[in-house]
Amino acid sequence: MTQRPNVLLICADQWRGDCLSALGHPNVRTPNLDALAADGMLFRKHFGQCTPCGPSRTSLLTGLYLMNHRSGRNGTPLDARHTNIALEARKAGYRPALFGYTDTSADPRDLDANDPSLKTYESVMPGFEAALHLPDEMEEWIADLLAKGYDLPGGRADVFRPKSGFEKPDDRGFRYIPTVYPAEHSEAAFLTDAFLKWLSVRRDSPWFAHFVFLRPHPPLIAPEPYNALVDPAAVSLPARAASLAEEKRQHPMLAYELDRISVPGGYDEHSPFDPVSASELEIRQMRATYYGLIAEVDHHLGRIIEHLKRTGEYDRTLIIVTSDHAEMLGEHHAWGKEVYFDGAFHLPLVIRDPCADADAARGTTVEVFTEAVDVMPTVLDWLGLEKPRACDGRSLLPLLRGDTPADWRNAIFFEHDFRTVATQKAEVTLGITSDQCSYAVIRDDRFKYVHFAALPPLLFDLVEDPDETTNLAERPDMTPTVLHYAQRMLDWRLTHAERTLTNMMITQAGVVSRP
């Protein structure tokens, strides 16, 4: 590359790690992401660090585990002392642009109580310039729809309502009914159009962009033709216990979560039924529509990549495509992402490194464990910038160049804060305090151990029980295994505890730093 390169970090909200046609999924169609993986690298065992949206994006963009950044819920303030990928990139002269949202909750300590950023959890993370901020209310997109003549008196409440007067076939579920607008007017199309317009005047200047798709995040309603792309009859039912009562017996926290979403609209707004006890047809249709939304995202990924190739920017742009967290899709009767199963934390990750050093490894699949916290140090390493001392992740650059370091991790670690401060429902239902509403997970190729602050632990044998149906933690013969993984988790947490200043030492010669 003869000039400063570009960086494009794309995040699609709530995309499961197994939902790529390159991985052999029977229903998903992702030809553009598959092609990018064939010209780059696909990371098969990539995991997020926490859920829901705000916390997971904080880990992605700061490179910090939840135990260190502590922004555990949508709305939990992010300590202003933490750096992030945008602030670091600015040190190299970039002006990182945001298209979409970061779901960042501002630190209130230096703000007036009337500051509008203290009325939303959807502020923009410091360091980013909001080229097009599209948070939950989606005002810019709705304004565009209104200008096109759509009647949307309820604003966002109307854009995801099913199309009235649509005649649904009997062999299709409720979520077959499309949106009131066609695909060319969707929020994904609107955001992509804006990004391509922004790129049009930056062809010969270096740029850094974070592009965020809402989809396939619910509500599970797709514009035509994506609503009909996948036949629900071809979709398998999710792995789950034979009954809801049996499922709930696995763990009190799972029972709590299933009860929490067991109301119409509890998971999917405007849905007239409880998703946990929905009929088989409705479950298959919801899954089919989710796959249709992924296909829509893939289409717009293709538009972006085609533009970069046409303008000559493809070969000087680092492209990263991932998600913030995943989606249960009815597995274990659960929907959403706020449970401890792999279905909520296993993410897609495709990286295309344009440098010649990556040529030998192009088209390969990485089979070692990687984490969302690795994305920030990877970008900084690629740009020749120093990784902040506090960063928990590791650069993936050696893997992109075909080399797996001998000391690479053999397990992954993720966490979840499920406190519900507003309603105190978790505390009342589970009989624990707000600060006890958390768990941490360590997972390798054989076992997965889930440690709760004040509830019983879980242990799954992923070789014998890949669907995580049988908790082995209470079996006496598994006590040594439980102890082993509990000790590994403690080791992990001690190693990664917040360490910004820990290797510094004040001496008579001044401040010195250990390696």
Protein backbone atom coordinates (compact mmCIF):
# COMPACT_ATOMS: atom_id res chain seq x y z
CA MET A 1 0.00 0.00 0.00
CA THR A 2 1.41 3.38 -1.04
CA GLN A 3 -0.85 5.46 1.19
CA ARG A 4 -2.34 5.31 4.66
CA PRO A 5 -4.90 2.47 4.69
CA ASN A 6 -8.61 2.41 5.49
CA VAL A 7 -10.37 0.52 8.26
CA LEU A 8 -13.96 -0.74 8.00
CA LEU A 9 -15.43 -2.40 11.11
CA ILE A 10 -18.90 -3.76 10.37
CA CYS A 11 -21.15 -5.05 13.15
CA ALA A 12 -24.52 -6.69 12.48
CA ASP A 13 -26.67 -6.81 15.60
CA GLN A 14 -27.65 -10.24 17.01
CA TRP A 15 -26.14 -12.46 14.28
CA ARG A 16 -25.48 -16.09 15.29
CA GLY A 17 -22.06 -17.56 14.64
CA ASP A 18 -23.44 -20.60 12.83
CA CYS A 19 -25.55 -18.54 10.41
CA LEU A 20 -23.29 -18.47 7.35
CA SER A 21 -23.86 -20.53 4.25
CA ALA A 22 -20.07 -21.03 4.11
CA LEU A 23 -20.48 -23.12 7.28
CA GLY A 24 -23.12 -25.30 5.66
CA HIS A 25 -26.22 -23.80 7.27
CA PRO A 26 -29.22 -25.31 5.45
CA ASN A 27 -31.32 -22.11 5.34
CA VAL A 28 -28.99 -19.11 5.47
CA ARG A 29 -27.80 -17.42 2.28
CA THR A 30 -24.69 -15.27 2.69
CA PRO A 31 -22.87 -15.31 -0.68
CA ASN A 32 -21.18 -11.96 -0.13
CA LEU A 33 -19.84 -12.71 3.33
CA ASP A 34 -18.81 -16.16 2.08
CA ALA A 35 -16.84 -14.53 -0.75
CA LEU A 36 -15.17 -12.15 1.69
CA ALA A 37 -14.19 -15.11 3.87
CA ALA A 38 -12.78 -16.91 0.82
CA ASP A 39 -10.59 -13.85 0.17
CA GLY A 40 -9.80 -13.36 3.85
CA MET A 41 -10.23 -15.48 6.92
CA LEU A 42 -13.19 -17.04 8.74
CA PHE A 43 -12.95 -17.49 12.51
CA ARG A 44 -15.11 -20.48 13.42
CA LYS A 45 -14.81 -20.33 17.22
CA HIS A 46 -15.35 -16.63 17.92
CA PHE A 47 -17.26 -15.54 21.04
CA GLY A 48 -18.62 -12.31 22.48
CA GLN A 49 -17.78 -11.20 25.99
CA CYS A 50 -21.17 -10.21 27.38
CA THR A 51 -24.77 -9.30 26.56
CA PRO A 52 -26.95 -7.31 25.87
CA CYS A 53 -26.13 -4.65 23.23
CA GLY A 54 -24.49 -1.85 25.22
CA PRO A 55 -22.18 -4.08 27.30
CA SER A 56 -21.20 -6.26 24.33
CA ARG A 57 -20.35 -3.25 22.16
CA THR A 58 -18.35 -1.78 25.01
CA SER A 59 -16.19 -4.92 25.12
CA LEU A 60 -15.86 -4.92 21.32
CA LEU A 61 -14.79 -1.27 21.14
CA THR A 62 -12.67 -1.02 24.31
CA GLY A 63 -11.05 -4.46 24.25
CA LEU A 64 -12.08 -4.91 27.89
CA TYR A 65 -13.85 -7.75 29.66
CA LEU A 66 -17.06 -6.83 31.46
CA MET A 67 -15.33 -7.32 34.82
CA ASN A 68 -13.07 -4.39 33.87
CA HIS A 69 -15.31 -1.93 32.01
CA ARG A 70 -18.31 -2.63 34.28
CA SER A 71 -20.94 -1.23 31.90
CA GLY A 72 -23.06 -4.30 32.46
CA ARG A 73 -26.53 -3.29 31.31
CA ASN A 74 -27.99 -1.03 28.66
CA GLY A 75 -27.90 2.22 30.59
CA THR A 76 -25.01 1.42 32.93
CA PRO A 77 -22.57 4.35 32.55
CA LEU A 78 -19.22 3.67 30.90
CA ASP A 79 -16.39 5.12 32.99
CA ALA A 80 -14.91 8.00 30.98
CA ARG A 81 -11.35 6.97 31.89
CA HIS A 82 -11.46 4.01 29.50
CA THR A 83 -9.99 4.45 26.06
CA ASN A 84 -11.47 2.77 22.97
CA ILE A 85 -10.73 1.94 19.37
CA ALA A 86 -11.83 5.35 18.09
CA LEU A 87 -9.77 7.37 20.57
CA GLU A 88 -6.72 5.26 19.78
CA ALA A 89 -7.22 5.56 16.01
CA ARG A 90 -7.32 9.33 16.33
CA LYS A 91 -3.72 9.15 17.53
CA ALA A 92 -2.85 8.01 14.02
CA GLY A 93 -4.68 10.92 12.44
CA TYR A 94 -7.97 9.17 11.66
CA ARG A 95 -11.40 10.68 12.29
CA PRO A 96 -13.42 7.52 13.01
CA ALA A 97 -16.95 7.83 11.60
CA LEU A 98 -20.00 6.04 12.96
CA PHE A 99 -22.89 4.82 10.83
CA GLY A 100 -25.50 3.32 13.16
CA TYR A 101 -25.02 3.22 16.92
CA THR A 102 -22.71 2.16 19.75
CA ASP A 103 -25.30 2.07 22.58
CA THR A 104 -22.92 3.90 24.93
CA SER A 105 -24.14 5.21 28.29
CA ALA A 106 -22.35 8.41 29.26
CA ASP A 107 -20.39 8.83 32.48
CA PRO A 108 -22.65 11.20 34.49
CA ARG A 109 -20.04 12.49 36.94
CA ASP A 110 -18.86 15.45 34.86
CA LEU A 111 -22.21 16.24 33.24
CA ASP A 112 -25.04 18.48 34.36
CA ALA A 113 -28.18 16.62 35.39
CA ASN A 114 -30.03 18.22 32.46
CA ASP A 115 -27.55 17.04 29.86
CA PRO A 116 -29.56 15.12 27.22
CA SER A 117 -26.97 12.35 27.11
CA LEU A 118 -28.19 11.35 30.58
CA LYS A 119 -31.65 10.60 29.18
CA THR A 120 -30.55 7.76 26.87
CA TYR A 121 -28.29 4.72 26.83
CA GLU A 122 -27.67 5.30 23.13
CA SER A 123 -25.04 8.00 23.12
CA VAL A 124 -22.08 7.79 20.73
CA MET A 125 -18.88 6.37 22.16
CA PRO A 126 -16.22 9.10 22.61
CA GLY A 127 -13.84 9.40 19.68
CA PHE A 128 -16.41 8.63 16.99
CA GLU A 129 -17.90 11.31 14.77
CA ALA A 130 -21.53 10.48 14.08
CA ALA A 131 -21.75 10.56 10.29
CA LEU A 132 -25.21 9.01 10.67
CA HIS A 133 -26.40 8.21 14.18
CA LEU A 134 -29.28 5.75 13.98
CA PRO A 135 -30.25 4.75 17.53
CA ASP A 136 -33.46 3.00 18.54
CA GLU A 137 -35.80 5.84 17.57
CA MET A 138 -34.24 5.93 14.07
CA GLU A 139 -35.37 9.49 13.45
CA GLU A 140 -33.20 10.05 10.36
CA TRP A 141 -34.54 6.94 8.63
CA ILE A 142 -38.13 7.69 9.62
CA ALA A 143 -37.75 11.23 8.27
CA ASP A 144 -36.62 9.71 4.99
CA LEU A 145 -39.68 7.44 4.91
CA LEU A 146 -41.96 10.37 5.64
CA ALA A 147 -40.36 12.30 2.78
CA LYS A 148 -41.13 9.32 0.55
CA GLY A 149 -44.82 9.58 1.45
CA TYR A 150 -45.26 6.90 4.10
CA ASP A 151 -47.91 7.54 6.75
CA LEU A 152 -46.15 6.93 10.08
CA PRO A 153 -47.88 9.02 12.77
CA GLY A 154 -46.44 6.80 15.51
CA GLY A 155 -42.86 7.11 14.32
CA ARG A 156 -40.82 4.06 15.23
CA ALA A 157 -43.90 2.31 16.59
CA ASP A 158 -45.28 2.26 13.05
CA VAL A 159 -42.25 1.31 10.96
CA PHE A 160 -42.18 -2.23 12.33
CA ARG A 161 -45.93 -2.86 12.23
CA PRO A 162 -47.02 -5.63 9.85
CA LYS A 163 -48.35 -4.54 6.49
CA SER A 164 -52.13 -4.15 6.74
CA GLY A 165 -54.35 -6.00 4.30
CA PHE A 166 -51.65 -8.56 3.51
CA GLU A 167 -53.11 -12.01 2.87
CA LYS A 168 -50.95 -14.58 4.62
CA PRO A 169 -51.08 -18.18 3.37
CA ASP A 170 -52.16 -20.75 5.94
CA ASP A 171 -48.79 -22.48 5.82
CA ARG A 172 -46.96 -19.34 6.87
CA GLY A 173 -46.71 -17.81 10.33
CA PHE A 174 -47.38 -14.29 11.56
CA ARG A 175 -43.83 -13.12 10.87
CA TYR A 176 -44.28 -13.90 7.17
CA ILE A 177 -46.26 -10.64 6.95
CA PRO A 178 -43.82 -8.02 5.63
CA THR A 179 -43.13 -4.43 6.58
CA VAL A 180 -45.10 -1.54 5.08
CA TYR A 181 -42.06 -0.60 2.98
CA PRO A 182 -40.14 -2.70 0.39
CA ALA A 183 -36.52 -3.74 0.81
CA GLU A 184 -35.14 -0.72 -1.03
CA HIS A 185 -36.57 1.54 1.70
CA SER A 186 -35.46 -0.48 4.75
CA GLU A 187 -33.17 0.88 7.46
CA ALA A 188 -30.37 -1.37 6.14
CA ALA A 189 -30.75 0.12 2.67
CA PHE A 190 -30.97 3.67 4.05
CA LEU A 191 -27.83 3.25 6.14
CA THR A 192 -25.89 1.65 3.28
CA ASP A 193 -26.94 4.38 0.85
CA ALA A 194 -25.69 7.02 3.29
CA PHE A 195 -22.38 5.21 3.77
CA LEU A 196 -21.77 4.85 0.03
CA LYS A 197 -22.52 8.55 -0.41
CA TRP A 198 -20.03 9.36 2.37
CA LEU A 199 -17.40 7.16 0.71
CA SER A 200 -17.91 8.82 -2.67
CA VAL A 201 -15.88 11.88 -1.66
CA ARG A 202 -13.20 9.93 0.24
CA ARG A 203 -11.89 7.75 -2.55
CA ASP A 204 -8.38 9.18 -2.36
CA SER A 205 -8.16 9.94 1.37
CA PRO A 206 -7.73 7.48 4.26
CA TRP A 207 -10.78 6.80 6.41
CA PHE A 208 -11.91 4.77 9.42
CA ALA A 209 -15.57 3.74 9.65
CA HIS A 210 -17.64 1.73 12.10
CA PHE A 211 -20.78 0.59 10.28
CA VAL A 212 -23.58 -0.97 12.34
CA PHE A 213 -26.59 -2.86 10.96
CA LEU A 214 -29.63 -3.19 13.22
CA ARG A 215 -30.53 -6.48 11.58
CA PRO A 216 -31.09 -9.34 12.19
CA HIS A 217 -32.03 -7.96 15.64
CA PRO A 218 -35.78 -8.23 16.36
CA PRO A 219 -38.49 -7.31 15.68
CA LEU A 220 -38.48 -10.28 13.34
CA ILE A 221 -40.27 -8.60 10.47
CA ALA A 222 -38.68 -8.42 7.04
CA PRO A 223 -39.42 -6.32 3.96
CA GLU A 224 -40.45 -8.04 0.77
CA PRO A 225 -38.92 -10.16 -0.75
CA TYR A 226 -36.86 -11.23 2.30
CA ASN A 227 -39.98 -12.20 4.25
CA ALA A 228 -40.54 -15.06 1.79
CA LEU A 229 -36.95 -16.05 1.11
CA VAL A 230 -36.96 -19.09 3.44
CA ASP A 231 -39.85 -21.57 3.58
CA PRO A 232 -40.64 -22.32 7.23
CA ALA A 233 -41.37 -25.93 6.28
CA ALA A 234 -37.66 -26.28 5.43
CA VAL A 235 -36.59 -24.91 8.83
CA SER A 236 -35.84 -27.30 11.68
CA LEU A 237 -37.21 -26.80 15.15
CA PRO A 238 -34.69 -25.63 17.78
CA ALA A 239 -33.04 -28.03 20.21
CA ARG A 240 -34.98 -27.83 23.46
CA ALA A 241 -36.40 -29.89 26.28
CA ALA A 242 -39.61 -31.80 25.69
CA SER A 243 -41.55 -29.34 27.85
CA LEU A 244 -41.13 -25.84 29.17
CA ALA A 245 -41.39 -27.14 32.75
CA GLU A 246 -38.53 -29.56 32.14
CA GLU A 247 -36.41 -26.80 30.59
CA LYS A 248 -36.90 -24.54 33.59
CA ARG A 249 -35.61 -27.22 35.93
CA GLN A 250 -32.08 -26.85 34.53
CA HIS A 251 -31.39 -23.65 36.49
CA PRO A 252 -33.25 -20.88 38.39
CA MET A 253 -31.75 -18.18 36.16
CA LEU A 254 -33.00 -19.94 33.02
CA ALA A 255 -36.46 -20.26 34.56
CA TYR A 256 -36.38 -16.55 35.39
CA GLU A 257 -35.40 -15.60 31.84
CA LEU A 258 -38.06 -17.83 30.26
CA ASP A 259 -40.70 -16.27 32.49
CA ARG A 260 -39.43 -12.78 31.64
CA ILE A 261 -39.94 -13.16 27.90
CA SER A 262 -43.09 -15.32 28.11
CA VAL A 263 -45.46 -12.50 27.18
CA PRO A 264 -46.60 -11.14 23.80
CA GLY A 265 -44.08 -8.51 22.77
CA GLY A 266 -41.65 -9.53 25.51
CA TYR A 267 -39.12 -10.46 22.86
CA ASP A 268 -40.55 -9.31 19.53
CA GLU A 269 -42.53 -6.06 19.54
CA HIS A 270 -45.98 -6.12 17.89
CA SER A 271 -45.98 -9.93 18.04
CA PRO A 272 -49.40 -11.15 19.20
CA PHE A 273 -48.14 -14.34 20.85
CA ASP A 274 -45.81 -15.53 23.59
CA PRO A 275 -42.65 -16.75 21.78
CA VAL A 276 -41.76 -19.30 24.46
CA SER A 277 -44.97 -21.28 24.04
CA ALA A 278 -45.59 -20.45 20.35
CA SER A 279 -46.81 -23.11 17.92
CA GLU A 280 -44.34 -25.06 15.81
CA LEU A 281 -45.39 -23.14 12.70
CA GLU A 282 -44.78 -19.78 14.38
CA ILE A 283 -41.37 -20.91 15.68
CA ARG A 284 -40.30 -22.13 12.24
CA GLN A 285 -41.54 -18.88 10.69
CA MET A 286 -39.69 -16.70 13.20
CA ARG A 287 -36.50 -18.58 12.45
CA ALA A 288 -37.15 -18.34 8.70
CA THR A 289 -37.67 -14.58 8.92
CA TYR A 290 -34.47 -14.22 10.96
CA TYR A 291 -32.60 -16.00 8.16
CA GLY A 292 -34.25 -13.69 5.65
CA LEU A 293 -33.01 -10.64 7.57
CA ILE A 294 -29.48 -12.06 7.49
CA ALA A 295 -29.78 -12.38 3.71
CA GLU A 296 -30.79 -8.71 3.55
CA VAL A 297 -27.71 -7.69 5.54
CA ASP A 298 -25.53 -9.83 3.29
CA HIS A 299 -26.95 -8.09 0.21
CA HIS A 300 -25.88 -4.70 1.54
CA LEU A 301 -22.48 -6.06 2.56
CA GLY A 302 -22.12 -6.99 -1.09
CA ARG A 303 -22.96 -3.45 -2.16
CA ILE A 304 -20.26 -2.03 0.12
CA ILE A 305 -17.60 -4.50 -1.01
CA GLU A 306 -18.48 -3.97 -4.68
CA HIS A 307 -18.04 -0.21 -4.21
CA LEU A 308 -14.63 -0.69 -2.60
CA LYS A 309 -13.50 -2.91 -5.46
CA ARG A 310 -14.80 -0.54 -8.11
CA THR A 311 -13.00 2.45 -6.59
CA GLY A 312 -9.74 0.62 -5.95
CA GLU A 313 -10.09 0.91 -2.16
CA TYR A 314 -10.63 -2.82 -1.52
CA ASP A 315 -6.90 -3.57 -1.54
CA ARG A 316 -6.05 -0.88 0.98
CA THR A 317 -8.94 -1.47 3.40
CA LEU A 318 -8.95 -3.76 6.43
CA ILE A 319 -12.49 -5.19 6.52
CA ILE A 320 -13.88 -6.80 9.67
CA VAL A 321 -17.42 -8.22 9.84
CA THR A 322 -18.78 -9.46 13.15
CA SER A 323 -21.67 -9.11 15.61
CA ASP A 324 -22.12 -7.82 19.13
CA HIS A 325 -23.91 -10.91 20.47
CA ALA A 326 -25.96 -13.75 19.06
CA GLU A 327 -29.54 -15.07 19.32
CA MET A 328 -31.10 -18.16 20.91
CA LEU A 329 -33.76 -18.61 18.18
CA GLY A 330 -35.92 -20.79 20.39
CA GLU A 331 -33.18 -23.12 21.62
CA HIS A 332 -33.94 -24.19 25.19
CA HIS A 333 -37.31 -22.42 24.58
CA ALA A 334 -35.40 -19.12 24.85
CA TRP A 335 -35.26 -16.14 22.51
CA GLY A 336 -32.85 -13.24 22.58
CA LYS A 337 -29.40 -13.30 24.15
CA GLU A 338 -29.61 -13.09 27.93
CA VAL A 339 -28.82 -16.69 28.86
CA TYR A 340 -25.57 -18.62 29.29
CA PHE A 341 -25.82 -20.92 26.27
CA ASP A 342 -23.41 -20.78 23.32
CA GLY A 343 -26.32 -19.76 21.10
CA ALA A 344 -26.25 -16.31 22.71
CA PHE A 345 -22.46 -15.78 22.64
CA HIS A 346 -21.07 -17.56 19.55
CA LEU A 347 -20.48 -14.91 16.86
CA PRO A 348 -19.46 -14.66 13.22
CA LEU A 349 -16.09 -13.10 12.48
CA VAL A 350 -14.66 -12.59 8.99
CA ILE A 351 -11.55 -10.46 8.43
CA ARG A 352 -10.02 -9.50 5.11
CA ASP A 353 -6.46 -8.22 5.50
CA PRO A 354 -5.40 -6.65 2.17
CA CYS A 355 -1.67 -6.86 2.89
CA ALA A 356 0.54 -9.21 0.90
CA ASP A 357 1.65 -10.82 4.18
CA ALA A 358 -1.85 -12.31 4.47
CA ASP A 359 -1.89 -13.86 1.01
CA ALA A 360 -0.66 -17.30 2.08
CA ALA A 361 -3.50 -17.72 4.59
CA ARG A 362 -6.36 -16.40 2.44
CA GLY A 363 -9.47 -18.55 2.39
CA THR A 364 -8.56 -20.51 5.49
CA THR A 365 -10.68 -21.10 8.57
CA VAL A 366 -9.29 -20.45 12.04
CA GLU A 367 -10.13 -23.20 14.52
CA VAL A 368 -8.65 -21.68 17.69
CA PHE A 369 -10.71 -19.65 20.16
CA THR A 370 -11.00 -15.91 19.55
CA GLU A 371 -12.91 -13.25 21.46
CA ALA A 372 -14.60 -9.93 20.74
CA VAL A 373 -11.95 -8.16 22.84
CA ASP A 374 -9.40 -9.22 20.19
CA VAL A 375 -10.85 -6.90 17.55
CA MET A 376 -9.52 -3.62 18.98
CA PRO A 377 -5.89 -4.78 19.43
CA THR A 378 -6.00 -6.35 15.96
CA VAL A 379 -6.94 -3.05 14.33
CA LEU A 380 -4.35 -1.13 16.33
CA ASP A 381 -1.65 -3.68 15.54
CA TRP A 382 -2.52 -3.53 11.84
CA LEU A 383 -2.22 0.26 11.95
CA GLY A 384 1.11 0.08 13.79
CA LEU A 385 -0.34 1.55 16.99
CA GLU A 386 0.46 0.44 20.52
CA LYS A 387 -2.11 -1.65 22.39
CA PRO A 388 -3.27 0.06 25.61
CA ARG A 389 -1.98 -1.64 28.72
CA ALA A 390 -5.50 -2.22 30.04
CA CYS A 391 -6.70 -4.03 26.89
CA ASP A 392 -7.71 -7.65 27.58
CA GLY A 393 -7.67 -8.92 24.00
CA ARG A 394 -4.86 -10.15 21.75
CA SER A 395 -4.07 -9.13 18.20
CA LEU A 396 -5.29 -11.58 15.57
CA LEU A 397 -2.69 -10.36 13.10
CA PRO A 398 -0.44 -13.44 13.50
CA LEU A 399 -3.43 -15.66 12.71
CA LEU A 400 -4.27 -13.53 9.67
CA ARG A 401 -0.72 -14.09 8.45
CA GLY A 402 -0.97 -17.87 8.93
CA ASP A 403 0.83 -18.19 12.26
CA THR A 404 -0.75 -19.44 15.49
CA PRO A 405 1.33 -18.37 18.52
CA ALA A 406 2.35 -21.25 20.75
CA ASP A 407 0.79 -19.58 23.79
CA TRP A 408 -2.58 -18.88 22.14
CA ARG A 409 -5.62 -19.37 24.40
CA ASN A 410 -7.29 -22.79 24.60
CA ALA A 411 -10.48 -21.51 26.21
CA ILE A 412 -12.73 -18.47 26.13
CA PHE A 413 -14.28 -16.40 28.88
CA PHE A 414 -17.55 -14.47 28.93
CA GLU A 415 -19.85 -12.88 31.49
CA HIS A 416 -23.37 -11.60 31.98
CA ASP A 417 -24.86 -9.05 34.38
CA PHE A 418 -28.59 -9.76 34.67
CA ARG A 419 -29.51 -7.28 37.37
CA THR A 420 -32.78 -5.46 36.72
CA VAL A 421 -32.35 -2.28 38.74
CA ALA A 422 -35.56 -0.66 37.48
CA THR A 423 -37.96 -3.42 38.52
CA GLN A 424 -35.87 -5.52 40.94
CA LYS A 425 -37.62 -8.52 39.38
CA ALA A 426 -34.51 -10.69 39.36
CA GLU A 427 -33.76 -9.92 42.98
CA VAL A 428 -37.31 -10.70 44.09
CA THR A 429 -37.75 -13.81 41.92
CA LEU A 430 -34.35 -15.36 42.58
CA GLY A 431 -33.88 -14.18 46.16
CA ILE A 432 -30.51 -12.57 45.51
CA THR A 433 -29.24 -9.01 45.65
CA SER A 434 -28.62 -6.80 42.64
CA ASP A 435 -24.84 -7.18 42.93
CA GLN A 436 -25.24 -10.96 42.94
CA CYS A 437 -27.06 -11.01 39.58
CA SER A 438 -24.09 -12.12 37.53
CA TYR A 439 -22.32 -15.16 36.18
CA ALA A 440 -19.02 -15.89 34.43
CA VAL A 441 -18.27 -18.68 31.97
CA ILE A 442 -15.12 -20.51 30.99
CA ARG A 443 -15.42 -22.79 27.96
CA ASP A 444 -12.94 -24.96 26.12
CA ASP A 445 -13.37 -27.74 23.58
CA ARG A 446 -14.54 -30.26 26.18
CA PHE A 447 -16.29 -28.55 29.08
CA LYS A 448 -18.22 -25.39 29.80
CA TYR A 449 -18.39 -24.14 33.39
CA VAL A 450 -20.84 -21.43 34.46
CA HIS A 451 -20.19 -19.83 37.85
CA PHE A 452 -22.93 -17.72 39.44
CA ALA A 453 -22.30 -15.20 42.20
CA ALA A 454 -25.09 -16.58 44.41
CA LEU A 455 -26.77 -19.42 42.49
CA PRO A 456 -25.73 -23.03 41.78
CA PRO A 457 -23.07 -23.59 39.10
CA LEU A 458 -23.46 -25.41 35.80
CA LEU A 459 -21.14 -27.81 34.00
CA PHE A 460 -21.71 -29.15 30.48
CA ASP A 461 -19.76 -31.80 28.61
CA LEU A 462 -19.76 -30.26 25.13
CA VAL A 463 -18.47 -33.41 23.44
CA GLU A 464 -21.20 -35.68 24.77
CA ASP A 465 -23.84 -32.95 25.11
CA PRO A 466 -23.27 -30.19 22.51
CA ASP A 467 -26.79 -28.79 23.06
CA GLU A 468 -26.05 -28.12 26.77
CA THR A 469 -29.00 -30.07 28.07
CA THR A 470 -27.53 -31.90 31.08
CA ASN A 471 -25.96 -30.11 34.05
CA LEU A 472 -23.18 -32.25 35.50
CA ALA A 473 -22.17 -29.88 38.30
CA GLU A 474 -24.23 -31.65 40.96
CA ARG A 475 -22.88 -35.14 40.22
CA PRO A 476 -20.40 -36.25 42.91
CA ASP A 477 -18.10 -37.89 40.36
CA MET A 478 -17.78 -34.54 38.54
CA THR A 479 -16.67 -32.59 41.63
CA PRO A 480 -12.96 -32.71 40.62
CA THR A 481 -13.87 -31.35 37.17
CA VAL A 482 -15.97 -28.55 38.67
CA LEU A 483 -13.09 -27.67 41.01
CA HIS A 484 -10.61 -27.68 38.11
CA TYR A 485 -12.66 -25.24 36.04
CA ALA A 486 -13.50 -23.05 39.03
CA GLN A 487 -9.76 -22.73 39.67
CA ARG A 488 -9.09 -21.97 36.00
CA MET A 489 -11.72 -19.24 36.13
CA LEU A 490 -10.15 -17.75 39.24
CA ASP A 491 -6.75 -17.83 37.55
CA TRP A 492 -8.25 -16.10 34.52
CA ARG A 493 -9.85 -13.36 36.55
CA LEU A 494 -6.73 -12.74 38.61
CA THR A 495 -4.65 -12.45 35.45
CA HIS A 496 -7.02 -10.04 33.74
CA ALA A 497 -8.10 -7.90 36.68
CA GLU A 498 -7.86 -4.16 35.85
CA ARG A 499 -4.17 -3.35 35.40
CA THR A 500 -3.75 0.08 33.80
CA LEU A 501 -1.11 1.15 36.34
CA THR A 502 -0.13 -2.19 37.86
CA ASN A 503 3.17 -2.61 36.00
CA MET A 504 4.29 0.91 36.77
CA MET A 505 6.58 1.70 39.66
CA ILE A 506 7.42 5.06 41.22
CA THR A 507 11.16 5.10 41.92
CA GLN A 508 13.84 7.67 42.77
CA ALA A 509 14.59 7.69 39.04
CA GLY A 510 10.96 8.43 38.23
CA VAL A 511 8.24 6.22 36.76
CA VAL A 512 9.41 2.91 35.31
CA SER A 513 7.32 0.23 33.63
CA ARG A 514 7.78 -3.51 33.69
CA PRO A 515 7.28 -5.46 30.43
